[in-house]
C-alpha atoms as a PDB file:
ATOM      1  CA  MET A   1      57.739  47.865 134.364  1.00  0.00           C
ATOM      2  CA  ARG A   2      56.528  46.349 131.130  1.00  0.00           C
ATOM      3  CA  ARG A   3      56.348  42.584 131.099  1.00  0.00           C
ATOM      4  CA  SER A   4      57.028  42.298 127.388  1.00  0.00           C
ATOM      5  CA  LEU A   5      60.537  41.951 126.001  1.00  0.00           C
ATOM      6  CA  THR A   6      61.305  45.246 124.270  1.00  0.00           C
ATOM      7  CA  LYS A   7      63.830  45.938 121.547  1.00  0.00           C
ATOM      8  CA  ALA A   8      66.061  47.817 124.007  1.00  0.00           C
ATOM      9  CA  GLU A   9      66.253  44.692 126.148  1.00  0.00           C
ATOM     10  CA  ARG A  10      67.897  42.663 123.387  1.00  0.00           C
ATOM     11  CA  LEU A  11      71.674  42.463 123.550  1.00  0.00           C
ATOM     12  CA  ARG A  12      72.895  43.283 120.057  1.00  0.00           C
ATOM     13  CA  GLY A  13      76.127  44.240 118.395  1.00  0.00           C
ATOM     14  CA  ARG A  14      79.383  42.410 117.982  1.00  0.00           C
ATOM     15  CA  SER A  15      81.265  44.419 120.609  1.00  0.00           C
ATOM     16  CA  SER A  16      78.554  43.975 123.261  1.00  0.00           C
ATOM     17  CA  LEU A  17      78.305  40.241 122.649  1.00  0.00           C
ATOM     18  CA  ARG A  18      82.083  39.804 122.614  1.00  0.00           C
ATOM     19  CA  ARG A  19      82.314  41.679 125.924  1.00  0.00           C
ATOM     20  CA  VAL A  20      79.737  39.412 127.555  1.00  0.00           C
ATOM     21  CA  PHE A  21      81.315  36.169 126.350  1.00  0.00           C
ATOM     22  CA  THR A  22      84.920  37.163 127.177  1.00  0.00           C
ATOM     23  CA  GLU A  23      84.743  39.352 130.307  1.00  0.00           C
ATOM     24  CA  ALA A  24      81.578  38.250 132.081  1.00  0.00           C
ATOM     25  CA  ALA A  25      81.194  35.890 135.014  1.00  0.00           C
ATOM     26  CA  LYS A  26      79.300  32.689 134.329  1.00  0.00           C
ATOM     27  CA  ASN A  27      77.167  30.174 136.121  1.00  0.00           C
ATOM     28  CA  ASP A  28      75.494  27.054 134.821  1.00  0.00           C
ATOM     29  CA  LEU A  29      73.113  24.232 135.477  1.00  0.00           C
ATOM     30  CA  ARG A  30      72.419  21.149 133.403  1.00  0.00           C
ATOM     31  CA  GLY A  31      71.026  22.442 130.096  1.00  0.00           C
ATOM     32  CA  ILE A  32      71.846  26.150 130.419  1.00  0.00           C
ATOM     33  CA  ARG A  33      74.761  28.500 131.092  1.00  0.00           C
ATOM     34  CA  VAL A  34      74.360  32.183 131.956  1.00  0.00           C
ATOM     35  CA  TYR A  35      77.006  34.853 131.388  1.00  0.00           C
ATOM     36  CA  TYR A  36      76.396  38.115 133.265  1.00  0.00           C
ATOM     37  CA  ILE A  37      78.134  41.480 133.539  1.00  0.00           C
ATOM     38  CA  GLY A  38      77.058  44.984 134.566  1.00  0.00           C
ATOM     39  CA  ASN A  39      75.976  47.357 131.797  1.00  0.00           C
ATOM     40  CA  ASN A  40      75.442  50.773 133.540  1.00  0.00           C
ATOM     41  CA  LEU A  41      71.851  50.977 132.253  1.00  0.00           C
ATOM     42  CA  ASP A  42      68.538  51.011 134.088  1.00  0.00           C
ATOM     43  CA  TRP A  43      67.425  47.775 132.449  1.00  0.00           C
ATOM     44  CA  ASN A  44      68.796  44.344 131.635  1.00  0.00           C
ATOM     45  CA  ARG A  45      69.698  43.221 128.127  1.00  0.00           C
ATOM     46  CA  ILE A  46      69.662  39.574 127.061  1.00  0.00           C
ATOM     47  CA  ALA A  47      70.978  37.346 124.292  1.00  0.00           C
ATOM     48  CA  VAL A  48      70.028  33.705 123.755  1.00  0.00           C
ATOM     49  CA  SER A  49      72.408  31.366 121.948  1.00  0.00           C
ATOM     50  CA  PRO A  50      71.824  27.635 121.448  1.00  0.00           C
ATOM     51  CA  VAL A  51      74.783  25.340 120.845  1.00  0.00           C
ATOM     52  CA  ARG A  52      75.094  23.320 117.637  1.00  0.00           C
ATOM     53  CA  GLY A  53      73.874  20.063 119.162  1.00  0.00           C
ATOM     54  CA  PHE A  54      70.220  20.663 118.348  1.00  0.00           C
ATOM     55  CA  LYS A  55      68.731  18.542 115.573  1.00  0.00           C
ATOM     56  CA  ASN A  56      67.571  21.342 113.310  1.00  0.00           C
ATOM     57  CA  ALA A  57      66.640  25.016 113.110  1.00  0.00           C
ATOM     58  CA  VAL A  58      63.109  24.340 114.320  1.00  0.00           C
ATOM     59  CA  ALA A  59      64.411  22.852 117.585  1.00  0.00           C
ATOM     60  CA  ARG A  60      66.944  25.665 118.076  1.00  0.00           C
ATOM     61  CA  ASN A  61      64.365  28.386 117.508  1.00  0.00           C
ATOM     62  CA  ARG A  62      61.835  26.723 119.790  1.00  0.00           C
ATOM     63  CA  GLU A  63      64.369  26.552 122.632  1.00  0.00           C
ATOM     64  CA  LYS A  64      65.242  30.214 122.103  1.00  0.00           C
ATOM     65  CA  ARG A  65      61.560  31.192 122.288  1.00  0.00           C
ATOM     66  CA  ILE A  66      61.069  29.151 125.452  1.00  0.00           C
ATOM     67  CA  CYS A  67      64.113  30.705 127.114  1.00  0.00           C
ATOM     68  CA  ARG A  68      63.032  34.249 126.224  1.00  0.00           C
ATOM     69  CA  GLU A  69      59.552  33.561 127.611  1.00  0.00           C
ATOM     70  CA  ALA A  70      61.013  32.121 130.837  1.00  0.00           C
ATOM     71  CA  TYR A  71      63.168  35.238 131.241  1.00  0.00           C
ATOM     72  CA  ARG A  72      60.205  37.488 130.457  1.00  0.00           C
ATOM     73  CA  GLN A  73      58.189  35.875 133.243  1.00  0.00           C
ATOM     74  CA  LEU A  74      61.014  36.364 135.757  1.00  0.00           C
ATOM     75  CA  LYS A  75      62.359  39.766 134.730  1.00  0.00           C
ATOM     76  CA  HIS A  76      60.149  41.778 137.084  1.00  0.00           C
ATOM     77  CA  ARG A  77      61.897  40.044 140.019  1.00  0.00           C
ATOM     78  CA  LEU A  78      65.479  40.741 138.870  1.00  0.00           C
ATOM     79  CA  LYS A  79      67.924  43.482 139.706  1.00  0.00           C
ATOM     80  CA  THR A  80      68.544  45.786 136.757  1.00  0.00           C
ATOM     81  CA  GLY A  81      71.738  46.937 135.060  1.00  0.00           C
ATOM     82  CA  TYR A  82      73.086  43.654 133.683  1.00  0.00           C
ATOM     83  CA  ASP A  83      73.866  42.134 130.321  1.00  0.00           C
ATOM     84  CA  LEU A  84      72.870  38.461 130.308  1.00  0.00           C
ATOM     85  CA  ALA A  85      73.694  35.816 127.722  1.00  0.00           C
ATOM     86  CA  PHE A  86      72.020  32.414 127.882  1.00  0.00           C
ATOM     87  CA  VAL A  87      73.710  29.439 126.215  1.00  0.00           C
ATOM     88  CA  LEU A  88      71.250  26.580 125.736  1.00  0.00           C
ATOM     89  CA  TYR A  89      72.136  22.905 125.522  1.00  0.00           C
ATOM     90  CA  PRO A  90      69.952  20.155 124.003  1.00  0.00           C
ATOM     91  CA  GLY A  91      67.574  18.243 126.185  1.00  0.00           C
ATOM     92  CA  LYS A  92      63.905  17.745 126.967  1.00  0.00           C
ATOM     93  CA  TYR A  93      63.203  21.116 128.619  1.00  0.00           C
ATOM     94  CA  ASN A  94      59.800  22.758 128.605  1.00  0.00           C
ATOM     95  CA  LEU A  95      58.850  26.237 129.799  1.00  0.00           C
ATOM     96  CA  SER A  96      58.457  25.289 133.462  1.00  0.00           C
ATOM     97  CA  ASP A  97      61.869  23.562 133.433  1.00  0.00           C
ATOM     98  CA  ARG A  98      63.522  26.648 131.962  1.00  0.00           C
ATOM     99  CA  ILE A  99      61.824  28.896 134.506  1.00  0.00           C
ATOM    100  CA  ARG A 100      63.097  26.712 137.354  1.00  0.00           C
ATOM    101  CA  GLN A 101      66.603  26.662 135.848  1.00  0.00           C
ATOM    102  CA  LEU A 102      66.734  30.435 135.452  1.00  0.00           C
ATOM    103  CA  GLU A 103      65.303  30.995 138.936  1.00  0.00           C
ATOM    104  CA  ALA A 104      67.960  28.753 140.466  1.00  0.00           C
ATOM    105  CA  ILE A 105      70.780  30.439 138.568  1.00  0.00           C
ATOM    106  CA  PHE A 106      69.527  33.954 139.340  1.00  0.00           C
ATOM    107  CA  GLU A 107      69.279  33.089 143.044  1.00  0.00           C
ATOM    108  CA  ARG A 108      72.773  31.602 142.965  1.00  0.00           C
ATOM    109  CA  ILE A 109      74.316  34.721 141.437  1.00  0.00           C
ATOM    110  CA  GLY A 110      72.231  37.150 143.504  1.00  0.00           C
ATOM    111  CA  LEU A 111      70.136  38.770 140.784  1.00  0.00           C
ATOM    112  CA  ILE A 112      66.713  38.068 142.315  1.00  0.00           C
ATOM    113  CA  GLN A 113      65.460  40.854 144.551  1.00  0.00           C
END
């Protein structure tokens, strides 16, 4: 399995995103919420969405990059066939914090193999 985040692994399209945010189960920790639903594919697709509480676009984009990198480092340990949407909340979170948050959530919802 490739460790990079490919174009096919990005969750795109209005109907796909609407489905995840309306029909999916969710789980959260302080600073992050994860929506997840099966997608009948052999790989996972992700979307990252920060809330409006960030100071500016630079802060929002940095948090999105950190979250994608945290997911990329954990994806080889996850079960496949899910659409995942991450909603990020403001706070002082670095890469290791995000990795720990995602690990805890994935263990809680049973996605880690």
